[in-house]
Amino acid sequence: MTDEPSLNTRSPVHAIPVEILGEIFLQYLPVYPVCPPILGDASPAKLGQICSHWRNIAHSMPSLWRAVALMHCGAPPAAKEAELEMAGVWLQRSAPQPVAVALDVRLFKDEHRTPALELLLAHCERWEHGYLNLHNLDFAAVRKLLRSKLPLLRQLEVRLLRHANAEGTELPHPL
């Protein structure tokens, strides 16, 4: 017995061609490059919760997973860890599509800030759009970003802010 409720396979929704369902799924999401939430409403993950047929379709569509945001406020630490893990899954599913990424490190505990940036940097050759708020992040991580190859990049906004009393408030030269 499965945990999933049984659905009538003769239901009209099962007669819809996969290509049409895929287009409907794309319309469910915010317009790219706007990043949907990792979980919850407007997330492609929500589509996979309807039934196994929809989950299989959603998981086979890289375009559903190509906008990844790590910046949702108010989540408890355990949810932030799950969000980081799920973002890695999204980046795998989105391959080989160009991606939009968004990261606000202020919303992560110190120990998760650099791993969050490194996760996104591991896919930087596919970045097409990016927003990074690297507030008070170690400059070694910032330097890694600046040395990255970004062949598909069309738009990038980077915010760097260090507290006045923080050590090493200037980027070392050469980068």
N, C-alpha and C. Protein backbone atom coordinates (compact mmCIF):
# COMPACT_ATOMS: atom_id res chain seq x y z
N MET A 1 0.84 -1.17 0.00
CA MET A 1 0.00 0.00 0.00
C MET A 1 0.89 1.25 0.00
N THR A 2 0.51 2.27 -0.73
CA THR A 2 1.32 3.49 -0.79
C THR A 2 0.71 4.57 0.08
N ASP A 3 1.55 5.56 0.41
CA ASP A 3 1.08 6.70 1.19
C ASP A 3 0.29 7.68 0.33
N GLU A 4 0.46 7.57 -0.97
CA GLU A 4 -0.17 8.50 -1.90
C GLU A 4 -1.61 8.08 -2.17
N PRO A 5 -2.55 9.02 -2.11
CA PRO A 5 -3.93 8.64 -2.41
C PRO A 5 -4.03 8.17 -3.85
N SER A 6 -4.88 7.15 -4.06
CA SER A 6 -5.01 6.65 -5.42
C SER A 6 -5.82 7.65 -6.24
N LEU A 7 -5.36 7.87 -7.45
CA LEU A 7 -6.03 8.77 -8.37
C LEU A 7 -6.60 7.96 -9.52
N ASN A 8 -7.70 8.36 -9.98
CA ASN A 8 -8.33 7.70 -11.12
C ASN A 8 -7.50 8.00 -12.36
N THR A 9 -6.89 6.97 -12.93
CA THR A 9 -6.07 7.19 -14.12
C THR A 9 -6.92 7.51 -15.34
N ARG A 10 -8.21 7.37 -15.22
CA ARG A 10 -9.11 7.76 -16.31
C ARG A 10 -9.55 9.21 -16.17
N SER A 11 -9.07 9.87 -15.16
CA SER A 11 -9.41 11.27 -14.95
C SER A 11 -8.96 12.08 -16.17
N PRO A 12 -9.72 13.11 -16.54
CA PRO A 12 -9.34 13.93 -17.70
C PRO A 12 -7.94 14.52 -17.61
N VAL A 13 -7.46 14.80 -16.40
CA VAL A 13 -6.13 15.38 -16.28
C VAL A 13 -5.05 14.42 -16.80
N HIS A 14 -5.30 13.12 -16.72
CA HIS A 14 -4.32 12.15 -17.22
C HIS A 14 -4.33 12.05 -18.74
N ALA A 15 -5.34 12.62 -19.37
CA ALA A 15 -5.41 12.62 -20.83
C ALA A 15 -4.65 13.80 -21.43
N ILE A 16 -4.26 14.75 -20.58
CA ILE A 16 -3.54 15.93 -21.08
C ILE A 16 -2.12 15.50 -21.47
N PRO A 17 -1.69 15.84 -22.68
CA PRO A 17 -0.32 15.48 -23.09
C PRO A 17 0.72 16.09 -22.15
N VAL A 18 1.81 15.36 -21.98
CA VAL A 18 2.89 15.78 -21.08
C VAL A 18 3.39 17.18 -21.44
N GLU A 19 3.49 17.48 -22.73
CA GLU A 19 3.99 18.79 -23.16
C GLU A 19 3.07 19.91 -22.67
N ILE A 20 1.76 19.67 -22.71
CA ILE A 20 0.79 20.67 -22.25
C ILE A 20 0.88 20.82 -20.73
N LEU A 21 0.95 19.70 -20.02
CA LEU A 21 1.11 19.77 -18.56
C LEU A 21 2.38 20.53 -18.20
N GLY A 22 3.45 20.29 -18.95
CA GLY A 22 4.70 21.01 -18.71
C GLY A 22 4.52 22.51 -18.85
N GLU A 23 3.80 22.94 -19.85
CA GLU A 23 3.53 24.38 -20.03
C GLU A 23 2.68 24.92 -18.89
N ILE A 24 1.71 24.14 -18.45
CA ILE A 24 0.89 24.55 -17.30
C ILE A 24 1.77 24.69 -16.06
N PHE A 25 2.68 23.75 -15.87
CA PHE A 25 3.59 23.81 -14.73
C PHE A 25 4.43 25.10 -14.78
N LEU A 26 4.93 25.44 -15.97
CA LEU A 26 5.74 26.65 -16.10
C LEU A 26 4.93 27.90 -15.76
N GLN A 27 3.65 27.90 -16.10
CA GLN A 27 2.78 29.04 -15.79
C GLN A 27 2.51 29.17 -14.30
N TYR A 28 2.66 28.09 -13.57
CA TYR A 28 2.46 28.09 -12.12
C TYR A 28 3.56 28.88 -11.40
N LEU A 29 4.75 28.91 -12.01
CA LEU A 29 5.91 29.55 -11.38
C LEU A 29 5.96 31.03 -11.71
N PRO A 30 6.69 31.81 -10.88
CA PRO A 30 6.94 33.21 -11.25
C PRO A 30 7.71 33.24 -12.58
N VAL A 31 7.60 34.33 -13.30
CA VAL A 31 8.28 34.47 -14.59
C VAL A 31 9.79 34.52 -14.35
N TYR A 32 10.53 33.65 -15.04
CA TYR A 32 11.98 33.63 -14.96
C TYR A 32 12.51 35.00 -15.40
N PRO A 33 13.48 35.56 -14.69
CA PRO A 33 14.38 34.99 -13.71
C PRO A 33 13.95 35.14 -12.24
N VAL A 34 12.73 35.52 -11.98
CA VAL A 34 12.28 35.60 -10.58
C VAL A 34 12.33 34.20 -9.98
N CYS A 35 12.88 34.10 -8.80
CA CYS A 35 13.06 32.80 -8.15
C CYS A 35 11.85 32.47 -7.27
N PRO A 36 11.27 31.29 -7.47
CA PRO A 36 10.17 30.86 -6.60
C PRO A 36 10.73 30.41 -5.25
N PRO A 37 9.88 30.28 -4.25
CA PRO A 37 10.37 29.74 -2.98
C PRO A 37 10.79 28.29 -3.15
N ILE A 38 11.75 27.86 -2.36
CA ILE A 38 12.22 26.47 -2.42
C ILE A 38 11.10 25.51 -2.05
N LEU A 39 10.31 25.88 -1.06
CA LEU A 39 9.18 25.05 -0.62
C LEU A 39 7.93 25.90 -0.53
N GLY A 40 6.77 25.28 -0.62
CA GLY A 40 5.51 25.99 -0.44
C GLY A 40 4.87 26.41 -1.75
N ASP A 41 3.90 27.31 -1.64
CA ASP A 41 3.18 27.78 -2.82
C ASP A 41 4.14 28.43 -3.80
N ALA A 42 3.86 28.26 -5.07
CA ALA A 42 4.66 28.78 -6.19
C ALA A 42 5.99 28.06 -6.34
N SER A 43 6.20 26.97 -5.62
CA SER A 43 7.42 26.17 -5.76
C SER A 43 7.15 24.99 -6.68
N PRO A 44 8.09 24.67 -7.57
CA PRO A 44 7.89 23.48 -8.39
C PRO A 44 7.79 22.21 -7.56
N ALA A 45 8.36 22.23 -6.35
CA ALA A 45 8.25 21.07 -5.47
C ALA A 45 6.80 20.78 -5.11
N LYS A 46 5.99 21.81 -5.04
CA LYS A 46 4.57 21.65 -4.73
C LYS A 46 3.86 20.82 -5.81
N LEU A 47 4.26 21.01 -7.05
CA LEU A 47 3.66 20.25 -8.16
C LEU A 47 3.91 18.76 -8.00
N GLY A 48 5.06 18.40 -7.48
CA GLY A 48 5.39 17.00 -7.28
C GLY A 48 4.64 16.33 -6.15
N GLN A 49 3.91 17.11 -5.38
CA GLN A 49 3.14 16.55 -4.27
C GLN A 49 1.73 16.14 -4.69
N ILE A 50 1.34 16.44 -5.91
CA ILE A 50 -0.02 16.14 -6.36
C ILE A 50 -0.19 14.64 -6.61
N CYS A 51 0.68 14.09 -7.42
CA CYS A 51 0.63 12.65 -7.71
C CYS A 51 1.96 12.24 -8.34
N SER A 52 2.21 10.95 -8.42
CA SER A 52 3.49 10.47 -8.96
C SER A 52 3.65 10.85 -10.43
N HIS A 53 2.56 10.87 -11.18
CA HIS A 53 2.62 11.26 -12.59
C HIS A 53 3.14 12.70 -12.72
N TRP A 54 2.58 13.60 -11.93
CA TRP A 54 3.02 14.99 -11.97
C TRP A 54 4.45 15.12 -11.45
N ARG A 55 4.80 14.36 -10.42
CA ARG A 55 6.15 14.41 -9.87
C ARG A 55 7.16 13.99 -10.93
N ASN A 56 6.86 12.91 -11.66
CA ASN A 56 7.77 12.45 -12.71
C ASN A 56 7.94 13.50 -13.79
N ILE A 57 6.85 14.14 -14.17
CA ILE A 57 6.94 15.19 -15.19
C ILE A 57 7.77 16.36 -14.66
N ALA A 58 7.45 16.81 -13.46
CA ALA A 58 8.17 17.96 -12.88
C ALA A 58 9.66 17.67 -12.75
N HIS A 59 10.02 16.49 -12.29
CA HIS A 59 11.43 16.16 -12.10
C HIS A 59 12.17 16.03 -13.43
N SER A 60 11.45 15.79 -14.51
CA SER A 60 12.09 15.64 -15.82
C SER A 60 12.20 16.96 -16.58
N MET A 61 11.75 18.06 -15.98
CA MET A 61 11.76 19.37 -16.65
C MET A 61 12.80 20.30 -16.02
N PRO A 62 14.01 20.37 -16.57
CA PRO A 62 15.03 21.25 -16.00
C PRO A 62 14.58 22.71 -15.88
N SER A 63 13.73 23.16 -16.77
CA SER A 63 13.32 24.57 -16.74
C SER A 63 12.50 24.93 -15.51
N LEU A 64 11.91 23.95 -14.84
CA LEU A 64 11.15 24.23 -13.61
C LEU A 64 12.06 24.57 -12.44
N TRP A 65 13.29 24.12 -12.50
CA TRP A 65 14.19 24.19 -11.34
C TRP A 65 15.32 25.20 -11.53
N ARG A 66 15.25 26.05 -12.54
CA ARG A 66 16.40 26.87 -12.92
C ARG A 66 16.49 28.24 -12.27
N ALA A 67 15.64 28.52 -11.30
CA ALA A 67 15.72 29.78 -10.56
C ALA A 67 15.76 29.44 -9.07
N VAL A 68 16.92 29.62 -8.46
CA VAL A 68 17.17 29.15 -7.10
C VAL A 68 17.45 30.32 -6.17
N ALA A 69 16.62 30.47 -5.16
CA ALA A 69 16.80 31.56 -4.19
C ALA A 69 17.06 30.99 -2.80
N LEU A 70 18.11 31.47 -2.19
CA LEU A 70 18.41 31.15 -0.80
C LEU A 70 18.31 32.45 -0.02
N MET A 71 17.08 32.86 0.24
CA MET A 71 16.92 34.16 0.89
C MET A 71 15.54 34.35 1.52
N HIS A 72 14.93 33.32 1.98
CA HIS A 72 13.60 33.45 2.56
C HIS A 72 13.71 33.69 4.06
N CYS A 73 13.16 34.81 4.48
CA CYS A 73 13.28 35.28 5.87
C CYS A 73 12.45 34.45 6.83
N GLY A 74 12.86 34.48 8.08
CA GLY A 74 12.06 33.96 9.16
C GLY A 74 12.07 32.46 9.36
N ALA A 75 12.80 31.72 8.56
CA ALA A 75 12.82 30.27 8.71
C ALA A 75 13.73 29.87 9.87
N PRO A 76 13.34 28.85 10.63
CA PRO A 76 14.22 28.37 11.70
C PRO A 76 15.48 27.73 11.11
N PRO A 77 16.55 27.59 11.93
CA PRO A 77 17.81 27.05 11.42
C PRO A 77 17.68 25.71 10.71
N ALA A 78 16.87 24.80 11.23
CA ALA A 78 16.72 23.49 10.57
C ALA A 78 16.12 23.66 9.18
N ALA A 79 15.21 24.60 9.03
CA ALA A 79 14.61 24.85 7.71
C ALA A 79 15.65 25.44 6.76
N LYS A 80 16.56 26.27 7.27
CA LYS A 80 17.62 26.83 6.43
C LYS A 80 18.53 25.71 5.91
N GLU A 81 18.85 24.74 6.77
CA GLU A 81 19.67 23.61 6.33
C GLU A 81 18.95 22.81 5.26
N ALA A 82 17.66 22.58 5.45
CA ALA A 82 16.87 21.85 4.45
C ALA A 82 16.79 22.64 3.16
N GLU A 83 16.67 23.97 3.27
CA GLU A 83 16.62 24.83 2.08
C GLU A 83 17.92 24.73 1.29
N LEU A 84 19.04 24.73 1.99
CA LEU A 84 20.35 24.62 1.35
C LEU A 84 20.48 23.27 0.63
N GLU A 85 20.05 22.21 1.29
CA GLU A 85 20.10 20.87 0.68
C GLU A 85 19.19 20.81 -0.55
N MET A 86 17.99 21.36 -0.43
CA MET A 86 17.05 21.32 -1.55
C MET A 86 17.55 22.17 -2.72
N ALA A 87 18.22 23.27 -2.42
CA ALA A 87 18.79 24.10 -3.49
C ALA A 87 19.79 23.30 -4.31
N GLY A 88 20.57 22.45 -3.65
CA GLY A 88 21.50 21.58 -4.38
C GLY A 88 20.78 20.63 -5.31
N VAL A 89 19.66 20.09 -4.84
CA VAL A 89 18.83 19.21 -5.68
C VAL A 89 18.30 19.98 -6.88
N TRP A 90 17.81 21.19 -6.65
CA TRP A 90 17.28 22.02 -7.74
C TRP A 90 18.36 22.27 -8.80
N LEU A 91 19.56 22.59 -8.34
CA LEU A 91 20.64 22.89 -9.29
C LEU A 91 20.99 21.65 -10.11
N GLN A 92 20.92 20.48 -9.51
CA GLN A 92 21.15 19.24 -10.27
C GLN A 92 20.04 19.03 -11.28
N ARG A 93 18.79 19.20 -10.85
CA ARG A 93 17.65 18.99 -11.75
C ARG A 93 17.63 20.00 -12.90
N SER A 94 18.14 21.18 -12.66
CA SER A 94 18.08 22.23 -13.68
C SER A 94 19.11 22.06 -14.79
N ALA A 95 20.10 21.21 -14.57
CA ALA A 95 21.15 21.03 -15.58
C ALA A 95 20.54 20.50 -16.87
N PRO A 96 20.99 20.96 -18.00
CA PRO A 96 22.07 21.91 -18.31
C PRO A 96 21.59 23.34 -18.53
N GLN A 97 20.39 23.69 -18.09
CA GLN A 97 19.81 25.01 -18.32
C GLN A 97 20.64 26.12 -17.67
N PRO A 98 20.64 27.33 -18.27
CA PRO A 98 21.16 28.49 -17.54
C PRO A 98 20.28 28.73 -16.32
N VAL A 99 20.85 29.33 -15.27
CA VAL A 99 20.10 29.50 -14.03
C VAL A 99 20.12 30.95 -13.54
N ALA A 100 19.11 31.26 -12.75
CA ALA A 100 19.07 32.50 -11.98
C ALA A 100 19.28 32.10 -10.53
N VAL A 101 20.16 32.82 -9.85
CA VAL A 101 20.44 32.52 -8.45
C VAL A 101 20.28 33.78 -7.61
N ALA A 102 19.84 33.58 -6.39
CA ALA A 102 19.73 34.69 -5.43
C ALA A 102 20.16 34.17 -4.07
N LEU A 103 20.97 34.97 -3.39
CA LEU A 103 21.47 34.58 -2.07
C LEU A 103 21.58 35.83 -1.20
N ASP A 104 21.04 35.73 -0.01
CA ASP A 104 21.23 36.78 0.99
C ASP A 104 21.81 36.09 2.22
N VAL A 105 23.12 36.23 2.41
CA VAL A 105 23.80 35.51 3.49
C VAL A 105 23.40 36.02 4.87
N ARG A 106 22.80 37.20 4.96
CA ARG A 106 22.38 37.71 6.27
C ARG A 106 21.32 36.82 6.90
N LEU A 107 20.65 36.02 6.09
CA LEU A 107 19.57 35.18 6.58
C LEU A 107 20.05 33.80 7.02
N PHE A 108 21.36 33.57 6.98
CA PHE A 108 21.93 32.29 7.37
C PHE A 108 22.82 32.45 8.59
N LYS A 109 22.90 31.39 9.38
CA LYS A 109 23.87 31.36 10.48
C LYS A 109 25.27 31.44 9.87
N ASP A 110 26.22 31.93 10.65
CA ASP A 110 27.58 32.09 10.15
C ASP A 110 28.13 30.83 9.50
N GLU A 111 27.88 29.66 10.11
CA GLU A 111 28.46 28.42 9.58
C GLU A 111 27.83 27.97 8.27
N HIS A 112 26.69 28.55 7.88
CA HIS A 112 26.05 28.17 6.62
C HIS A 112 26.26 29.19 5.50
N ARG A 113 26.87 30.34 5.82
CA ARG A 113 27.02 31.40 4.82
C ARG A 113 27.94 30.99 3.68
N THR A 114 29.14 30.56 4.02
CA THR A 114 30.09 30.18 2.98
C THR A 114 29.62 28.95 2.21
N PRO A 115 29.09 27.89 2.87
CA PRO A 115 28.56 26.76 2.10
C PRO A 115 27.44 27.15 1.14
N ALA A 116 26.61 28.11 1.52
CA ALA A 116 25.53 28.55 0.63
C ALA A 116 26.11 29.18 -0.63
N LEU A 117 27.11 30.06 -0.47
CA LEU A 117 27.74 30.68 -1.63
C LEU A 117 28.49 29.63 -2.45
N GLU A 118 29.20 28.72 -1.79
CA GLU A 118 29.95 27.69 -2.52
C GLU A 118 29.04 26.77 -3.32
N LEU A 119 27.85 26.48 -2.78
CA LEU A 119 26.89 25.68 -3.52
C LEU A 119 26.53 26.36 -4.84
N LEU A 120 26.24 27.65 -4.77
CA LEU A 120 25.89 28.38 -5.99
C LEU A 120 27.09 28.53 -6.92
N LEU A 121 28.27 28.78 -6.35
CA LEU A 121 29.48 28.93 -7.17
C LEU A 121 29.84 27.65 -7.92
N ALA A 122 29.46 26.50 -7.38
CA ALA A 122 29.74 25.23 -8.05
C ALA A 122 29.01 25.15 -9.39
N HIS A 123 28.02 26.00 -9.58
CA HIS A 123 27.24 26.02 -10.83
C HIS A 123 27.35 27.36 -11.54
N CYS A 124 28.38 28.15 -11.23
CA CYS A 124 28.47 29.52 -11.75
C CYS A 124 28.61 29.57 -13.27
N GLU A 125 29.11 28.52 -13.89
CA GLU A 125 29.23 28.54 -15.35
C GLU A 125 27.85 28.54 -16.02
N ARG A 126 26.80 28.28 -15.25
CA ARG A 126 25.43 28.30 -15.79
C ARG A 126 24.65 29.54 -15.35
N TRP A 127 25.27 30.41 -14.55
CA TRP A 127 24.56 31.60 -14.08
C TRP A 127 24.20 32.50 -15.25
N GLU A 128 22.95 32.89 -15.31
CA GLU A 128 22.49 33.86 -16.29
C GLU A 128 22.08 35.16 -15.59
N HIS A 129 21.46 35.02 -14.43
CA HIS A 129 21.05 36.16 -13.60
C HIS A 129 21.45 35.86 -12.16
N GLY A 130 21.90 36.88 -11.46
CA GLY A 130 22.27 36.66 -10.07
C GLY A 130 22.05 37.87 -9.19
N TYR A 131 21.68 37.59 -7.96
CA TYR A 131 21.60 38.61 -6.92
C TYR A 131 22.28 38.00 -5.70
N LEU A 132 23.31 38.67 -5.21
CA LEU A 132 24.06 38.18 -4.06
C LEU A 132 24.23 39.30 -3.05
N ASN A 133 23.71 39.11 -1.86
CA ASN A 133 23.97 40.02 -0.76
C ASN A 133 24.95 39.30 0.14
N LEU A 134 26.20 39.71 0.06
CA LEU A 134 27.28 39.02 0.77
C LEU A 134 27.70 39.80 2.00
N HIS A 135 26.76 40.42 2.65
CA HIS A 135 26.94 41.22 3.85
C HIS A 135 27.80 40.48 4.87
N ASN A 136 28.94 41.06 5.17
CA ASN A 136 29.83 40.56 6.22
C ASN A 136 30.36 39.15 5.96
N LEU A 137 30.41 38.74 4.71
CA LEU A 137 30.95 37.43 4.36
C LEU A 137 32.47 37.53 4.27
N ASP A 138 33.14 36.46 4.60
CA ASP A 138 34.60 36.39 4.50
C ASP A 138 35.02 36.73 3.07
N PHE A 139 36.00 37.59 2.93
CA PHE A 139 36.42 38.03 1.61
C PHE A 139 37.04 36.92 0.77
N ALA A 140 37.49 35.84 1.38
CA ALA A 140 38.01 34.72 0.59
C ALA A 140 36.90 34.16 -0.29
N ALA A 141 35.70 34.09 0.24
CA ALA A 141 34.56 33.61 -0.55
C ALA A 141 34.22 34.61 -1.65
N VAL A 142 34.30 35.89 -1.35
CA VAL A 142 34.03 36.92 -2.35
C VAL A 142 35.07 36.86 -3.46
N ARG A 143 36.32 36.68 -3.09
CA ARG A 143 37.40 36.57 -4.08
C ARG A 143 37.15 35.40 -5.02
N LYS A 144 36.67 34.28 -4.46
CA LYS A 144 36.36 33.11 -5.28
C LYS A 144 35.28 33.46 -6.31
N LEU A 145 34.29 34.23 -5.90
CA LEU A 145 33.24 34.67 -6.82
C LEU A 145 33.84 35.51 -7.94
N LEU A 146 34.70 36.45 -7.58
CA LEU A 146 35.27 37.36 -8.57
C LEU A 146 36.20 36.66 -9.55
N ARG A 147 36.73 35.53 -9.18
CA ARG A 147 37.62 34.77 -10.07
C ARG A 147 36.88 33.72 -10.89
N SER A 148 35.59 33.59 -10.66
CA SER A 148 34.80 32.56 -11.33
C SER A 148 34.57 32.90 -12.79
N LYS A 149 34.40 31.85 -13.58
CA LYS A 149 34.05 32.02 -14.99
C LYS A 149 32.53 32.04 -15.08
N LEU A 150 32.01 33.08 -15.70
CA LEU A 150 30.57 33.28 -15.80
C LEU A 150 30.19 33.53 -17.26
N PRO A 151 30.33 32.53 -18.14
CA PRO A 151 30.16 32.76 -19.58
C PRO A 151 28.73 33.12 -20.01
N LEU A 152 27.72 32.73 -19.25
CA LEU A 152 26.33 32.98 -19.65
C LEU A 152 25.73 34.20 -18.95
N LEU A 153 26.51 34.84 -18.10
CA LEU A 153 25.99 35.90 -17.25
C LEU A 153 25.47 37.08 -18.06
N ARG A 154 24.24 37.48 -17.74
CA ARG A 154 23.61 38.65 -18.36
C ARG A 154 23.40 39.76 -17.34
N GLN A 155 23.19 39.38 -16.09
CA GLN A 155 22.90 40.36 -15.05
C GLN A 155 23.40 39.83 -13.71
N LEU A 156 24.10 40.68 -12.97
CA LEU A 156 24.58 40.30 -11.64
C LEU A 156 24.58 41.53 -10.74
N GLU A 157 23.93 41.38 -9.60
CA GLU A 157 23.96 42.42 -8.58
C GLU A 157 24.61 41.81 -7.35
N VAL A 158 25.69 42.45 -6.90
CA VAL A 158 26.42 41.98 -5.72
C VAL A 158 26.46 43.11 -4.71
N ARG A 159 26.05 42.80 -3.51
CA ARG A 159 26.11 43.78 -2.42
C ARG A 159 27.14 43.30 -1.40
N LEU A 160 28.12 44.15 -1.16
CA LEU A 160 29.16 43.86 -0.18
C LEU A 160 29.12 44.93 0.89
N LEU A 161 28.97 44.51 2.11
CA LEU A 161 28.96 45.46 3.21
C LEU A 161 29.64 44.80 4.39
N ARG A 162 30.58 45.50 4.96
CA ARG A 162 31.26 45.00 6.15
C ARG A 162 31.03 46.00 7.27
N HIS A 163 30.91 45.49 8.48
CA HIS A 163 30.80 46.39 9.63
C HIS A 163 32.09 47.18 9.75
N ALA A 164 31.98 48.40 10.19
CA ALA A 164 33.15 49.28 10.30
C ALA A 164 34.22 48.70 11.22
N ASN A 165 33.82 47.92 12.21
CA ASN A 165 34.81 47.37 13.15
C ASN A 165 35.31 45.99 12.72
N ALA A 166 34.90 45.50 11.56
CA ALA A 166 35.34 44.19 11.09
C ALA A 166 36.76 44.28 10.55
N GLU A 167 37.52 43.21 10.74
CA GLU A 167 38.89 43.18 10.22
C GLU A 167 38.85 42.95 8.71
N GLY A 168 39.85 43.48 8.01
CA GLY A 168 39.97 43.25 6.58
C GLY A 168 38.82 43.83 5.79
N THR A 169 38.50 45.09 6.01
CA THR A 169 37.35 45.68 5.34
C THR A 169 37.64 46.08 3.90
N GLU A 170 38.87 45.92 3.45
CA GLU A 170 39.20 46.24 2.06
C GLU A 170 39.52 44.95 1.33
N LEU A 171 39.12 44.91 0.07
CA LEU A 171 39.49 43.76 -0.74
C LEU A 171 40.99 43.82 -1.01
N PRO A 172 41.70 42.73 -0.82
CA PRO A 172 43.14 42.73 -1.09
C PRO A 172 43.39 42.87 -2.59
N HIS A 173 44.53 43.47 -2.93
CA HIS A 173 44.89 43.63 -4.34
C HIS A 173 46.14 42.78 -4.59
N PRO A 174 46.25 42.01 -5.63
CA PRO A 174 45.23 41.78 -6.65
C PRO A 174 44.19 40.79 -6.14
N LEU A 175 43.00 40.84 -6.74
CA LEU A 175 41.93 39.93 -6.36
C LEU A 175 42.30 38.55 -6.80
